[in-house]
């Protein structure tokens, strides 16, 4: 059984799915390099509008092992397609 939906600590309200199908880009080495690219969802609080990224797949779409250039090309294509991208800075 999956755990319940996330809850806002400040408002004590259950978060709702704000945007499904977002992408999280993890960066490393002073935020210069792509570490992993994840498919994810964005959830939000209806009261304070705080947002979180969660609902990741079992494994990343791409990693630094695939090569920095390939990761950057993939991100470029996501931007061209107007996909929602969230960056996780160190």
N, C-alpha and C. Protein backbone atom coordinates (compact mmCIF):
# COMPACT_ATOMS: atom_id res chain seq x y z
N UNK A 1 0.84 -1.18 0.00
CA UNK A 1 0.00 0.00 0.00
C UNK A 1 0.88 1.24 0.00
N UNK A 2 0.57 2.19 -0.84
CA UNK A 2 1.34 3.43 -0.91
C UNK A 2 0.97 4.36 0.25
N UNK A 3 1.92 5.19 0.69
CA UNK A 3 1.61 6.14 1.76
C UNK A 3 0.61 7.20 1.28
N UNK A 4 0.01 7.86 2.19
CA UNK A 4 -0.97 8.91 1.86
C UNK A 4 -0.29 10.09 1.18
N UNK A 5 -1.06 11.02 0.71
CA UNK A 5 -0.52 12.21 0.05
C UNK A 5 0.29 13.05 1.04
N UNK A 6 1.25 13.84 0.51
CA UNK A 6 2.04 14.71 1.40
C UNK A 6 1.16 15.74 2.10
N UNK A 7 1.65 16.21 3.24
CA UNK A 7 0.92 17.19 4.05
C UNK A 7 1.80 18.40 4.28
N UNK A 8 1.24 19.59 4.19
CA UNK A 8 1.95 20.84 4.46
C UNK A 8 2.17 20.95 5.97
N UNK A 9 3.42 21.09 6.38
CA UNK A 9 3.74 21.19 7.81
C UNK A 9 3.18 22.48 8.39
N UNK A 10 3.30 23.57 7.65
CA UNK A 10 2.85 24.88 8.14
C UNK A 10 1.33 24.92 8.30
N UNK A 11 0.59 24.48 7.29
CA UNK A 11 -0.87 24.61 7.27
C UNK A 11 -1.61 23.37 7.75
N UNK A 12 -0.88 22.25 7.83
CA UNK A 12 -1.48 20.97 8.21
C UNK A 12 -2.63 20.59 7.29
N UNK A 13 -2.42 20.83 6.00
CA UNK A 13 -3.40 20.49 4.96
C UNK A 13 -2.76 19.51 3.98
N UNK A 14 -3.56 18.59 3.46
CA UNK A 14 -3.09 17.65 2.46
C UNK A 14 -2.77 18.40 1.17
N UNK A 15 -1.61 18.11 0.58
CA UNK A 15 -1.23 18.74 -0.67
C UNK A 15 -2.00 18.10 -1.82
N UNK A 16 -2.14 18.84 -2.90
CA UNK A 16 -2.84 18.32 -4.08
C UNK A 16 -1.87 18.29 -5.26
N UNK A 17 -2.13 17.41 -6.25
CA UNK A 17 -1.25 17.34 -7.42
C UNK A 17 -1.40 18.60 -8.27
N UNK A 18 -0.40 19.45 -8.24
CA UNK A 18 -0.39 20.73 -8.94
C UNK A 18 -0.04 20.55 -10.42
N UNK A 19 0.98 19.71 -10.69
CA UNK A 19 1.43 19.49 -12.08
C UNK A 19 2.08 18.11 -12.19
N UNK A 20 1.48 17.27 -13.00
CA UNK A 20 2.06 15.95 -13.25
C UNK A 20 2.96 16.03 -14.48
N UNK A 21 4.03 15.26 -14.46
CA UNK A 21 4.91 15.21 -15.63
C UNK A 21 5.97 16.30 -15.67
N UNK A 22 6.45 16.73 -14.52
CA UNK A 22 7.55 17.69 -14.47
C UNK A 22 8.88 16.92 -14.50
N UNK A 23 9.96 17.65 -14.65
CA UNK A 23 11.29 17.05 -14.67
C UNK A 23 12.15 17.72 -13.61
N UNK A 24 12.88 16.92 -12.85
CA UNK A 24 13.81 17.43 -11.85
C UNK A 24 15.22 17.16 -12.34
N UNK A 25 16.03 18.20 -12.39
CA UNK A 25 17.43 18.09 -12.81
C UNK A 25 18.30 18.30 -11.58
N UNK A 26 19.00 17.24 -11.17
CA UNK A 26 19.94 17.33 -10.04
C UNK A 26 21.30 17.77 -10.58
N UNK A 27 21.87 18.78 -9.95
CA UNK A 27 23.17 19.29 -10.35
C UNK A 27 24.21 19.00 -9.27
N UNK A 28 25.47 18.97 -9.66
CA UNK A 28 26.55 18.75 -8.70
C UNK A 28 27.80 19.52 -9.13
N UNK A 29 28.83 19.45 -8.32
CA UNK A 29 30.11 20.13 -8.56
C UNK A 29 29.88 21.63 -8.79
N UNK A 30 29.43 22.29 -7.72
CA UNK A 30 29.12 23.72 -7.75
C UNK A 30 28.06 24.07 -8.79
N UNK A 31 27.12 23.14 -8.99
CA UNK A 31 25.99 23.33 -9.90
C UNK A 31 26.40 23.48 -11.36
N UNK A 32 27.55 22.96 -11.72
CA UNK A 32 28.04 23.06 -13.09
C UNK A 32 27.67 21.86 -13.95
N UNK A 33 27.41 20.72 -13.33
CA UNK A 33 27.20 19.49 -14.09
C UNK A 33 25.89 18.82 -13.71
N UNK A 34 25.29 18.15 -14.69
CA UNK A 34 24.06 17.40 -14.45
C UNK A 34 24.43 16.06 -13.82
N UNK A 35 23.78 15.75 -12.71
CA UNK A 35 23.99 14.47 -12.04
C UNK A 35 22.93 13.46 -12.50
N UNK A 36 21.64 13.84 -12.34
CA UNK A 36 20.54 12.97 -12.75
C UNK A 36 19.35 13.81 -13.22
N UNK A 37 18.57 13.24 -14.13
CA UNK A 37 17.32 13.85 -14.58
C UNK A 37 16.19 12.87 -14.23
N UNK A 38 15.23 13.37 -13.48
CA UNK A 38 14.12 12.55 -12.99
C UNK A 38 12.79 13.01 -13.57
N UNK A 39 11.89 12.08 -13.83
CA UNK A 39 10.50 12.40 -14.12
C UNK A 39 9.81 12.49 -12.77
N UNK A 40 8.98 13.52 -12.55
CA UNK A 40 8.39 13.73 -11.24
C UNK A 40 7.08 14.50 -11.35
N UNK A 41 6.50 14.78 -10.21
CA UNK A 41 5.27 15.57 -10.12
C UNK A 41 5.50 16.73 -9.14
N UNK A 42 4.68 17.75 -9.28
CA UNK A 42 4.72 18.89 -8.35
C UNK A 42 3.40 18.89 -7.58
N UNK A 43 3.51 18.95 -6.27
CA UNK A 43 2.34 19.02 -5.40
C UNK A 43 2.34 20.37 -4.70
N UNK A 44 1.15 20.87 -4.34
CA UNK A 44 1.05 22.20 -3.73
C UNK A 44 0.03 22.21 -2.60
N UNK A 45 0.19 23.21 -1.74
CA UNK A 45 -0.75 23.45 -0.64
C UNK A 45 -1.78 24.47 -1.11
N UNK A 46 -3.05 24.17 -0.94
CA UNK A 46 -4.11 25.10 -1.37
C UNK A 46 -4.14 26.37 -0.51
N UNK A 47 -3.65 26.29 0.71
CA UNK A 47 -3.73 27.43 1.62
C UNK A 47 -2.55 28.39 1.45
N UNK A 48 -1.30 27.89 1.57
CA UNK A 48 -0.14 28.78 1.52
C UNK A 48 0.59 28.75 0.16
N UNK A 49 0.16 27.85 -0.73
CA UNK A 49 0.72 27.73 -2.08
C UNK A 49 2.15 27.21 -2.13
N UNK A 50 2.66 26.66 -1.02
CA UNK A 50 3.97 26.03 -1.00
C UNK A 50 3.93 24.84 -1.97
N UNK A 51 5.04 24.63 -2.69
CA UNK A 51 5.10 23.53 -3.66
C UNK A 51 6.30 22.63 -3.35
N UNK A 52 6.12 21.33 -3.64
CA UNK A 52 7.21 20.37 -3.51
C UNK A 52 7.27 19.52 -4.78
N UNK A 53 8.44 18.94 -5.02
CA UNK A 53 8.60 17.98 -6.10
C UNK A 53 8.65 16.60 -5.46
N UNK A 54 7.82 15.69 -5.94
CA UNK A 54 7.80 14.32 -5.42
C UNK A 54 7.24 13.39 -6.49
N UNK A 55 7.00 12.14 -6.14
CA UNK A 55 6.44 11.20 -7.09
C UNK A 55 7.42 10.81 -8.19
N UNK A 56 8.67 10.57 -7.80
CA UNK A 56 9.71 10.22 -8.76
C UNK A 56 9.51 8.80 -9.28
N UNK A 57 10.03 8.55 -10.47
CA UNK A 57 10.04 7.19 -11.00
C UNK A 57 11.03 6.33 -10.22
N UNK A 58 11.09 5.05 -10.56
CA UNK A 58 11.99 4.13 -9.86
C UNK A 58 13.46 4.41 -10.13
N UNK A 59 13.75 4.97 -11.30
CA UNK A 59 15.14 5.30 -11.62
C UNK A 59 15.14 6.55 -12.50
N UNK A 60 16.26 7.26 -12.54
CA UNK A 60 16.32 8.50 -13.33
C UNK A 60 16.23 8.22 -14.83
N UNK A 61 15.80 9.22 -15.57
CA UNK A 61 15.73 9.14 -17.03
C UNK A 61 17.14 9.11 -17.61
N UNK A 62 18.01 9.97 -17.07
CA UNK A 62 19.40 10.05 -17.51
C UNK A 62 20.28 10.35 -16.30
N UNK A 63 21.57 9.99 -16.41
CA UNK A 63 22.52 10.30 -15.35
C UNK A 63 23.82 10.81 -15.97
N UNK A 64 24.73 11.24 -15.11
CA UNK A 64 26.03 11.71 -15.58
C UNK A 64 26.80 10.61 -16.32
N UNK A 65 26.46 9.36 -16.07
CA UNK A 65 27.10 8.24 -16.77
C UNK A 65 26.77 8.28 -18.27
N UNK A 66 25.59 8.83 -18.61
CA UNK A 66 25.20 8.95 -20.03
C UNK A 66 26.00 10.02 -20.76
N UNK A 67 26.67 10.88 -20.00
CA UNK A 67 27.47 11.96 -20.59
C UNK A 67 26.82 13.32 -20.40
N UNK A 68 27.65 14.28 -20.05
CA UNK A 68 27.17 15.64 -19.79
C UNK A 68 26.48 16.23 -21.02
N UNK A 69 27.08 16.05 -22.19
CA UNK A 69 26.52 16.63 -23.41
C UNK A 69 25.14 16.05 -23.73
N UNK A 70 24.97 14.75 -23.57
CA UNK A 70 23.67 14.13 -23.82
C UNK A 70 22.62 14.63 -22.84
N UNK A 71 23.02 14.80 -21.59
CA UNK A 71 22.09 15.33 -20.59
C UNK A 71 21.68 16.76 -20.94
N UNK A 72 22.64 17.58 -21.34
CA UNK A 72 22.34 18.98 -21.72
C UNK A 72 21.44 19.03 -22.96
N UNK A 73 21.68 18.14 -23.91
CA UNK A 73 20.82 18.08 -25.11
C UNK A 73 19.39 17.70 -24.74
N UNK A 74 19.26 16.74 -23.82
CA UNK A 74 17.93 16.31 -23.37
C UNK A 74 17.20 17.48 -22.70
N UNK A 75 17.90 18.21 -21.84
CA UNK A 75 17.29 19.36 -21.18
C UNK A 75 16.89 20.42 -22.20
N UNK A 76 17.72 20.63 -23.20
CA UNK A 76 17.41 21.59 -24.27
C UNK A 76 16.11 21.19 -24.99
N UNK A 77 15.96 19.90 -25.27
CA UNK A 77 14.74 19.41 -25.93
C UNK A 77 13.52 19.59 -25.02
N UNK A 78 13.68 19.36 -23.73
CA UNK A 78 12.58 19.58 -22.79
C UNK A 78 12.15 21.04 -22.79
N UNK A 79 13.13 21.95 -22.81
CA UNK A 79 12.82 23.38 -22.84
C UNK A 79 12.08 23.75 -24.12
N UNK A 80 12.54 23.21 -25.26
CA UNK A 80 11.87 23.49 -26.54
C UNK A 80 10.42 23.01 -26.53
N UNK A 81 10.16 21.93 -25.81
CA UNK A 81 8.80 21.38 -25.73
C UNK A 81 7.97 22.03 -24.61
N UNK A 82 8.51 23.09 -24.00
CA UNK A 82 7.84 23.81 -22.90
C UNK A 82 7.51 22.93 -21.71
N UNK A 83 8.36 21.97 -21.41
CA UNK A 83 8.16 21.11 -20.25
C UNK A 83 8.54 21.87 -18.98
N UNK A 84 7.93 21.51 -17.89
CA UNK A 84 8.26 22.11 -16.60
C UNK A 84 9.52 21.44 -16.06
N UNK A 85 10.54 22.26 -15.80
CA UNK A 85 11.82 21.76 -15.31
C UNK A 85 12.13 22.45 -13.98
N UNK A 86 12.46 21.66 -12.98
CA UNK A 86 12.87 22.17 -11.68
C UNK A 86 14.33 21.76 -11.48
N UNK A 87 15.16 22.69 -11.03
CA UNK A 87 16.57 22.40 -10.80
C UNK A 87 16.83 22.23 -9.31
N UNK A 88 17.58 21.19 -8.97
CA UNK A 88 17.99 20.93 -7.59
C UNK A 88 19.46 21.32 -7.47
N UNK A 89 19.69 22.53 -6.94
CA UNK A 89 21.05 23.04 -6.78
C UNK A 89 21.65 22.51 -5.49
N UNK A 90 22.97 22.37 -5.47
CA UNK A 90 23.67 21.91 -4.26
C UNK A 90 23.47 22.89 -3.13
